[in-house]
Amino acid sequence: MTEHGWTERRQQERRRTSGSMGSLALEASATARRHRLIALTVVMGALVTGLGWRWVVTAGLFADKTLPPQLVGVWRTSAPAYVDRALEFTATSVIFHTGGSDLSVHRIRRINRTQQGSLVVYRLEYRDRDNTETFGFRYIPAPRQLIRLDNLPFVWRKHGPP
C-alpha cells in the first residue's frame, strides 16, 4: 500500500468516527486494550518468574541427569561389614545392593558435580518412595578409580560394567 493510500485510510477512519462521542469511544477502546495488555504482561511475568523458575529448578528441566561413563558399573569395598554389598551406577540410576539378592533401584533426578582439585564431588538426587534423597560421594579418577562416600570412611573400587 502506498503512503498516499495509507493516509487516505486514516482520513476515512477519522471521518467515520468524527465527533466527540466517536473519538471518546476510540480512545476508551485503545486505553482498555492497553490496560488488558499490561495486566496480561504482569500476570504472565509473575507466573514465569514465580512458578516458571521454580518449575525449572524443582522439576529439573535443565538439570543434569546422566552420569559419565567412567562411573557406570559396579563398585565394591573391602570393608568387612560391606563385603556382600555393592553400589551400582547406570547412566541414569543408582542401585544399592544391600546383601544377598536384595537391591533398591533409584532413578537419578539431578546430578550436581563440582571439581575439587584432582577429584570430583558428586551429589545425586533421587526419589525414595515419598522422599527426595541426596547421595554424595567423591570420585578419584584414573589410574585408581576410587569412590569415597560422604557417610563412610572407606573407599569403593570399580569392578567393571554391570
Protein backbone atom coordinates (compact mmCIF):
# COMPACT_ATOMS: atom_id res chain seq x y z
CA MET A 1 0.00 0.00 0.00
CA THR A 2 1.39 3.38 -0.90
CA GLU A 3 1.87 6.15 1.58
CA HIS A 4 -0.95 8.06 -0.09
CA GLY A 5 -3.29 5.05 0.29
CA TRP A 6 -2.42 4.74 3.97
CA THR A 7 -3.13 8.42 4.58
CA GLU A 8 -6.44 8.08 2.78
CA ARG A 9 -7.50 5.19 5.01
CA ARG A 10 -6.65 7.14 8.15
CA GLN A 11 -8.67 10.11 6.94
CA GLN A 12 -11.65 7.84 6.21
CA GLU A 13 -11.36 6.37 9.70
CA ARG A 14 -11.32 9.85 11.24
CA ARG A 15 -14.40 10.91 9.23
CA ARG A 16 -16.25 7.78 10.32
CA THR A 17 -15.50 8.44 13.96
CA SER A 18 -15.74 12.20 13.85
CA GLY A 19 -17.45 13.97 16.64
CA SER A 20 -16.77 13.85 20.33
CA MET A 21 -18.53 10.52 21.00
CA GLY A 22 -16.63 8.66 18.26
CA SER A 23 -13.27 10.00 19.39
CA LEU A 24 -14.01 9.15 23.01
CA ALA A 25 -15.08 5.64 22.08
CA LEU A 26 -11.87 5.06 20.11
CA GLU A 27 -9.72 6.44 22.92
CA ALA A 28 -11.56 4.35 25.54
CA SER A 29 -11.21 1.24 23.41
CA ALA A 30 -7.48 1.82 22.87
CA THR A 31 -6.96 2.53 26.58
CA ALA A 32 -8.85 -0.61 27.57
CA ARG A 33 -6.75 -2.69 25.16
CA ARG A 34 -3.57 -1.16 26.57
CA HIS A 35 -4.67 -1.90 30.15
CA ARG A 36 -5.56 -5.51 29.28
CA LEU A 37 -2.17 -5.95 27.62
CA ILE A 38 -0.36 -4.52 30.65
CA ALA A 39 -2.37 -6.73 33.04
CA LEU A 40 -1.70 -9.81 30.91
CA THR A 41 2.02 -8.98 30.78
CA VAL A 42 2.17 -8.56 34.57
CA VAL A 43 0.31 -11.82 35.21
CA MET A 44 2.44 -13.78 32.72
CA GLY A 45 5.61 -12.26 34.15
CA ALA A 46 4.58 -13.25 37.66
CA LEU A 47 3.80 -16.79 36.54
CA VAL A 48 7.05 -17.19 34.66
CA THR A 49 9.10 -15.66 37.44
CA GLY A 50 7.31 -17.27 40.38
CA LEU A 51 6.21 -20.61 39.04
CA GLY A 52 8.30 -20.97 35.93
CA TRP A 53 11.71 -20.74 37.55
CA ARG A 54 10.57 -22.85 40.46
CA TRP A 55 9.39 -25.48 38.00
CA VAL A 56 12.64 -25.28 36.07
CA VAL A 57 14.64 -25.72 39.27
CA THR A 58 12.50 -28.29 41.11
CA ALA A 59 11.39 -30.33 38.13
CA GLY A 60 14.89 -30.32 36.82
CA LEU A 61 14.05 -29.19 33.33
CA PHE A 62 17.67 -28.28 32.69
CA ALA A 63 19.17 -30.50 35.37
CA ASP A 64 21.94 -32.90 34.52
CA LYS A 65 20.56 -36.45 34.90
CA THR A 66 23.20 -38.61 33.23
CA LEU A 67 26.32 -39.97 34.90
CA PRO A 68 29.58 -40.03 32.94
CA PRO A 69 30.72 -43.41 31.54
CA GLN A 70 33.64 -43.71 33.97
CA LEU A 71 31.17 -44.04 36.87
CA VAL A 72 28.88 -46.58 35.18
CA GLY A 73 29.43 -50.05 36.61
CA VAL A 74 29.57 -51.98 39.87
CA TRP A 75 31.60 -50.66 42.80
CA ARG A 76 32.67 -52.77 45.81
CA THR A 77 34.61 -52.22 49.02
CA SER A 78 36.87 -54.49 51.05
CA ALA A 79 35.41 -53.23 54.34
CA PRO A 80 34.31 -56.36 56.27
CA ALA A 81 30.83 -55.03 57.12
CA TYR A 82 30.11 -54.39 53.42
CA VAL A 83 31.71 -57.43 51.78
CA ASP A 84 28.33 -58.67 50.44
CA ARG A 85 27.22 -55.18 49.36
CA ALA A 86 27.75 -53.25 46.16
CA LEU A 87 26.96 -49.91 44.65
CA GLU A 88 25.99 -49.83 41.00
CA PHE A 89 25.58 -46.90 38.65
CA THR A 90 23.90 -46.91 35.28
CA ALA A 91 23.84 -43.76 33.17
CA THR A 92 20.53 -42.69 34.80
CA SER A 93 20.14 -44.65 38.04
CA VAL A 94 21.84 -45.67 41.27
CA ILE A 95 21.36 -49.22 42.59
CA PHE A 96 22.14 -50.22 46.16
CA HIS A 97 22.91 -53.96 46.52
CA THR A 98 22.12 -54.48 50.20
CA GLY A 99 23.17 -58.11 50.66
CA GLY A 100 22.19 -61.38 49.06
CA SER A 101 19.84 -60.69 46.18
CA ASP A 102 18.31 -57.59 47.81
CA LEU A 103 18.69 -54.32 45.98
CA SER A 104 16.98 -50.98 45.56
CA VAL A 105 16.95 -49.11 42.26
CA HIS A 106 16.50 -45.33 42.09
CA ARG A 107 16.24 -43.12 39.03
CA ILE A 108 18.50 -40.08 39.27
CA ARG A 109 16.57 -36.82 39.19
CA ARG A 110 19.51 -34.41 39.35
CA ILE A 111 23.29 -34.52 39.44
CA ASN A 112 25.46 -31.81 40.91
CA ARG A 113 29.18 -32.19 40.22
CA THR A 114 31.96 -29.98 41.47
CA GLN A 115 35.65 -30.28 40.62
CA GLN A 116 37.93 -30.07 43.68
CA GLY A 117 41.50 -30.39 42.53
CA SER A 118 42.03 -33.86 41.10
CA LEU A 119 38.75 -35.28 42.43
CA VAL A 120 35.10 -34.69 41.58
CA VAL A 121 32.42 -34.24 44.23
CA TYR A 122 29.03 -35.65 43.21
CA ARG A 123 25.60 -35.11 44.75
CA LEU A 124 22.90 -37.32 43.24
CA GLU A 125 19.27 -36.56 43.96
CA TYR A 126 16.73 -39.38 43.68
CA ARG A 127 13.26 -40.30 44.96
CA ASP A 128 12.79 -42.99 47.60
CA ARG A 129 9.07 -43.59 47.94
CA ASP A 130 7.74 -40.21 49.09
CA ASN A 131 11.07 -38.59 49.96
CA THR A 132 13.75 -36.89 47.92
CA GLU A 133 17.13 -38.25 48.95
CA THR A 134 20.65 -37.00 48.28
CA PHE A 135 23.57 -39.37 47.85
CA GLY A 136 27.02 -37.79 47.98
CA PHE A 137 30.45 -39.13 47.13
CA ARG A 138 33.89 -38.12 45.92
CA TYR A 139 35.27 -39.67 42.75
CA ILE A 140 39.02 -40.09 42.42
CA PRO A 141 39.72 -40.64 38.70
CA ALA A 142 42.21 -42.91 36.95
CA PRO A 143 44.53 -44.58 37.44
CA ARG A 144 43.00 -45.83 40.71
CA GLN A 145 39.30 -45.04 40.12
CA LEU A 146 38.02 -44.84 43.68
CA ILE A 147 34.84 -43.57 45.29
CA ARG A 148 34.60 -42.36 48.87
CA LEU A 149 31.02 -41.98 50.13
CA ASP A 150 30.21 -38.94 52.25
CA ASN A 151 28.92 -41.04 55.14
CA LEU A 152 31.53 -43.85 55.17
CA PRO A 153 35.28 -43.67 55.87
CA PHE A 154 36.46 -46.32 53.37
CA VAL A 155 36.80 -46.45 49.58
CA TRP A 156 34.93 -48.33 46.88
CA ARG A 157 36.66 -49.72 43.77
CA LYS A 158 35.16 -50.26 40.35
CA HIS A 159 34.74 -53.92 39.43
CA GLY A 160 33.66 -53.46 35.83
CA PRO A 161 30.47 -52.77 33.95
CA PRO A 162 27.14 -54.04 35.25
